[in-house]
C-alpha atoms as a PDB file:
ATOM      1  CA  MET A   1       0.000   0.000   0.000  1.00  0.00           C
ATOM      2  CA  LEU A   2       2.862   2.401   0.811  1.00  0.00           C
ATOM      3  CA  THR A   3       4.303   1.852  -2.643  1.00  0.00           C
ATOM      4  CA  THR A   4       0.965   2.787  -4.223  1.00  0.00           C
ATOM      5  CA  VAL A   5       0.711   5.973  -2.144  1.00  0.00           C
ATOM      6  CA  ALA A   6       4.304   6.884  -3.022  1.00  0.00           C
ATOM      7  CA  GLU A   7       3.634   6.401  -6.734  1.00  0.00           C
ATOM      8  CA  LEU A   8       0.315   8.269  -6.610  1.00  0.00           C
ATOM      9  CA  PHE A   9       1.875  11.390  -5.088  1.00  0.00           C
ATOM     10  CA  ASP A  10       5.249  10.934  -6.827  1.00  0.00           C
ATOM     11  CA  LEU A  11       7.095  10.641  -3.486  1.00  0.00           C
ATOM     12  CA  PRO A  12      10.089   8.461  -2.652  1.00  0.00           C
ATOM     13  CA  ALA A  13       8.921   5.245  -0.934  1.00  0.00           C
ATOM     14  CA  ASP A  14      11.399   5.723   1.954  1.00  0.00           C
ATOM     15  CA  VAL A  15       9.843   9.091   2.836  1.00  0.00           C
ATOM     16  CA  VAL A  16       6.313   7.668   2.896  1.00  0.00           C
ATOM     17  CA  ALA A  17       7.391   4.675   5.012  1.00  0.00           C
ATOM     18  CA  GLY A  18       9.340   6.850   7.473  1.00  0.00           C
ATOM     19  CA  LEU A  19      12.552   4.925   6.802  1.00  0.00           C
ATOM     20  CA  PRO A  20      15.848   6.577   7.730  1.00  0.00           C
ATOM     21  CA  ARG A  21      17.885   8.361   5.088  1.00  0.00           C
ATOM     22  CA  LEU A  22      21.659   8.344   5.526  1.00  0.00           C
ATOM     23  CA  GLU A  23      24.202  10.597   3.843  1.00  0.00           C
ATOM     24  CA  MET A  24      27.955  10.373   4.452  1.00  0.00           C
ATOM     25  CA  VAL A  25      30.437  13.104   3.681  1.00  0.00           C
ATOM     26  CA  GLY A  26      33.716  11.241   3.325  1.00  0.00           C
ATOM     27  CA  SER A  27      34.554   9.555   6.612  1.00  0.00           C
ATOM     28  CA  ARG A  28      34.059  12.744   8.658  1.00  0.00           C
ATOM     29  CA  GLN A  29      30.288  13.349   8.826  1.00  0.00           C
ATOM     30  CA  LEU A  30      27.090  11.302   8.791  1.00  0.00           C
ATOM     31  CA  TYR A  31      23.679  12.888   8.279  1.00  0.00           C
ATOM     32  CA  VAL A  32      20.615  10.869   9.406  1.00  0.00           C
ATOM     33  CA  GLU A  33      16.995  11.815   8.660  1.00  0.00           C
ATOM     34  CA  HIS A  34      13.971  10.186  10.350  1.00  0.00           C
ATOM     35  CA  HIS A  35      15.667   9.042  13.552  1.00  0.00           C
ATOM     36  CA  ALA A  36      13.876   8.216  16.804  1.00  0.00           C
ATOM     37  CA  GLY A  37      16.518   9.315  19.305  1.00  0.00           C
ATOM     38  CA  ILE A  38      19.964   8.469  20.621  1.00  0.00           C
ATOM     39  CA  LEU A  39      20.303   5.198  22.559  1.00  0.00           C
ATOM     40  CA  ALA A  40      24.031   5.346  23.412  1.00  0.00           C
ATOM     41  CA  TYR A  41      26.637   8.072  23.089  1.00  0.00           C
ATOM     42  CA  SER A  42      30.410   8.096  23.486  1.00  0.00           C
ATOM     43  CA  GLU A  43      33.398   9.355  21.509  1.00  0.00           C
ATOM     44  CA  ALA A  44      33.863   5.817  20.137  1.00  0.00           C
ATOM     45  CA  GLN A  45      30.255   4.770  19.424  1.00  0.00           C
ATOM     46  CA  ILE A  46      26.842   6.337  18.878  1.00  0.00           C
ATOM     47  CA  ASP A  47      23.684   4.200  18.633  1.00  0.00           C
ATOM     48  CA  VAL A  48      20.752   5.842  16.863  1.00  0.00           C
ATOM     49  CA  ASN A  49      17.223   4.463  17.108  1.00  0.00           C
ATOM     50  CA  THR A  50      15.287   4.334  13.801  1.00  0.00           C
ATOM     51  CA  ALA A  51      12.147   2.695  12.425  1.00  0.00           C
ATOM     52  CA  ALA A  52      14.429   0.218  10.609  1.00  0.00           C
ATOM     53  CA  GLY A  53      16.372  -0.754  13.756  1.00  0.00           C
ATOM     54  CA  VAL A  54      19.410   0.521  15.601  1.00  0.00           C
ATOM     55  CA  LEU A  55      22.058   2.284  13.539  1.00  0.00           C
ATOM     56  CA  ARG A  56      25.492   1.956  15.167  1.00  0.00           C
ATOM     57  CA  VAL A  57      28.230   4.441  14.242  1.00  0.00           C
ATOM     58  CA  ARG A  58      31.757   3.572  15.391  1.00  0.00           C
ATOM     59  CA  GLY A  59      34.919   5.638  15.144  1.00  0.00           C
ATOM     60  CA  GLU A  60      37.108   8.138  16.988  1.00  0.00           C
ATOM     61  CA  GLY A  61      36.226  11.541  18.386  1.00  0.00           C
ATOM     62  CA  LEU A  62      32.546  11.147  17.509  1.00  0.00           C
ATOM     63  CA  SER A  63      30.183  13.951  18.467  1.00  0.00           C
ATOM     64  CA  LEU A  64      26.716  15.240  17.667  1.00  0.00           C
ATOM     65  CA  LEU A  65      27.188  18.325  15.526  1.00  0.00           C
ATOM     66  CA  ALA A  66      23.453  19.043  15.250  1.00  0.00           C
ATOM     67  CA  MET A  67      20.203  17.374  16.275  1.00  0.00           C
ATOM     68  CA  THR A  68      16.517  18.084  15.767  1.00  0.00           C
ATOM     69  CA  ALA A  69      13.466  15.873  16.237  1.00  0.00           C
ATOM     70  CA  GLU A  70      13.859  14.514  12.680  1.00  0.00           C
ATOM     71  CA  GLU A  71      17.525  14.959  11.758  1.00  0.00           C
ATOM     72  CA  LEU A  72      20.966  14.574  13.243  1.00  0.00           C
ATOM     73  CA  ARG A  73      24.548  15.083  12.099  1.00  0.00           C
ATOM     74  CA  ILE A  74      27.448  13.111  13.563  1.00  0.00           C
ATOM     75  CA  GLY A  75      31.038  14.266  13.161  1.00  0.00           C
ATOM     76  CA  GLY A  76      34.420  12.697  13.858  1.00  0.00           C
ATOM     77  CA  ARG A  77      36.486   9.929  12.286  1.00  0.00           C
ATOM     78  CA  ILE A  78      33.798   7.447  11.227  1.00  0.00           C
ATOM     79  CA  ALA A  79      35.172   3.916  10.871  1.00  0.00           C
ATOM     80  CA  ALA A  80      31.928   1.948  10.501  1.00  0.00           C
ATOM     81  CA  VAL A  81      28.185   2.372  10.131  1.00  0.00           C
ATOM     82  CA  GLU A  82      26.142  -0.779  10.733  1.00  0.00           C
ATOM     83  CA  TRP A  83      22.624  -1.995  11.496  1.00  0.00           C
ATOM     84  CA  VAL A  84      22.317  -3.837  14.803  1.00  0.00           C
ATOM     85  CA  ARG A  85      19.646  -6.536  14.904  1.00  0.00           C
END
């Protein structure tokens, strides 16, 4: 049904379903849309709650550069981005 709604209004299916959208800028910044909060935070690891599961970001010197109810930006030396099941 979500696919039909997305096609009808010419919207990306991920936006209609509320799925997270990730954008990396090199290995220094990660932008996440449609998050549901921070579960764990340290300079080595940040766990982000999303509708698709927990997104784990690992690296060095990690920090939240910006955060709103829908979006967040993580900075630092990002070594890995993975889904935790």
